[in-house]
């Protein structure tokens, strides 16, 4: 059962109510109300990882960091299969599914691709899988990033995650990623600027003081609403060189301009019609 037929405002109302109930995330994710991506499907997780991996050139036995792994830690297995020696998986909470059969299925999928596969078939817990893959699962967001040694990671990537980082924490998050990554390292990020409610811009209907307050931001539908050009400027401010790989656009605004909160009405259509983009970041050496 999914709730795709519920209008955007109905999803907001439902999530506000449901986040106040003390029901574990795993139950809501089954209904599509609170779901951190689709990374619990082996074929999807493999495809997403490879799309990012193919955008970069990495040294042998690279160290990787996935920002926002969501519902699974499959990238620990996939990264090792592609030559990684160690991986960090950093999220803002403990969202990963613990069912060991899921990880066995991911390992079997990797074997079918004729890639090196960690032997996890006899393991009995997710912790054992992570140890086998030399992976570290950290679940305190920005606080966790601050525990990772400087200049220790070759490759950082995220898929539809950066738009969920709290606006107040965004620059600090990018500064931490810059601290963590080696000077010859590389980042690959795919950013989704749609509203994550109905794939439009309904999140721009709300004034800043409402959208960014803790009540709204912790209700399961938050995006930081940082626009394309502004996000690129923040990357540069954090001392990254920016290379745009792909930009996706709507043909026209998906929401009437008059319905937007006043702080967004003055933004040009050209900017607001950017629905997502992919970018490669390299440390700027000055």
Foldseek 3Di string as FASTA:
>chain_A
DEVLVQALVRLLVVLLVVLVDPDDPVVVVVHVSFFQDDCLDLVVVLVVVVVQVVVDDFDAQFEEEEERSTAAPLVLFVVVQVRHNAYEYEEQAPRYDKPVVSNVVNQVVSVVVVTDGQPCPPPDTPVVVCVSSNYHYHHNHLVVLVVAAFQRGQEYEYEQPLQLPAPVCNLVNLLSVLRRHHQNHKYKYKHFLAQQRNRAPLVQLDDPVVCRDPSNSSSRRDTNNQWDVNSVVSNVVSQKDKDWDDWDFDPFHPDPLVSGDPVCSPDDRVGRRTRITMMMIHGHDD
